[in-house]
Amino acid sequence: MKAQKKYVTFAYELAVREGRKKVTAVHKANILKSTSGLFLKVAREVAERFPQIESTEMIVDATCMKLVMTPEEFDVIVTTNLFGDILSDLCAGLVGGLGMAPGANIGEDAAIFEAVHGSAPDIAGKNLANPTSVILASIQMLEHLDMADTAERIRSAVADVIKSGDRTTRDLGGVHGTTDFTQSVIDRL
């Protein structure tokens, strides 16, 4: 319960810090009454401490459907590890695939930033991977370190490469590899 309270509180603190308006607690308490029920109980308790943030609750099944149909309904989502894994892959698909999705694991004393898909060992060394997720993870790291100006410069360079189609990877409709895409970002910097 202590760990759940900690990460639900983090979600609300993030919402406040980032000027977000709503936190959605995603659960399956209708079926997983003990585990998901406890999570939902904690989420409700924490929500009371943040009256300036709209708090909603949604069953994970409905969340998946709504993320596909009306993603603009969401601002910050807080959930358990299992559902977070599922939802992060679904959301990656909405924005172009796993090669487009960064991840951040932020603790009290340390933070790790990475691509949500992991290392992709099946294509390692083949110059096939879309490096956008790793670059976006580095942007999250820079923002975490209060280096927003540098982060924005890199974000703009990545967006320009994708928008122009210049040396994009196969998953983005291009014919180029990891190094060409990366070099195109560097050239814009």
Foldseek 3Di string as FASTA:
>chain_A
DVVLLVVLLVLLVVCVVVVHAEEEEEFACVPVVPPRVVSVVSNVVSVVVPVRHHYHYYYLVVVLVCCVVPVVVDDHYDYDPVSVLVVQQSVCVVVQGQLQAKDKDDDDPDIDIGRSVPDPVVCPPVQQGNNNRVLLSVLVVCVVVVNNVVSVLLVVLLVVCLVVVQQGHVSSPHPHGRVRSVVSSVVSD
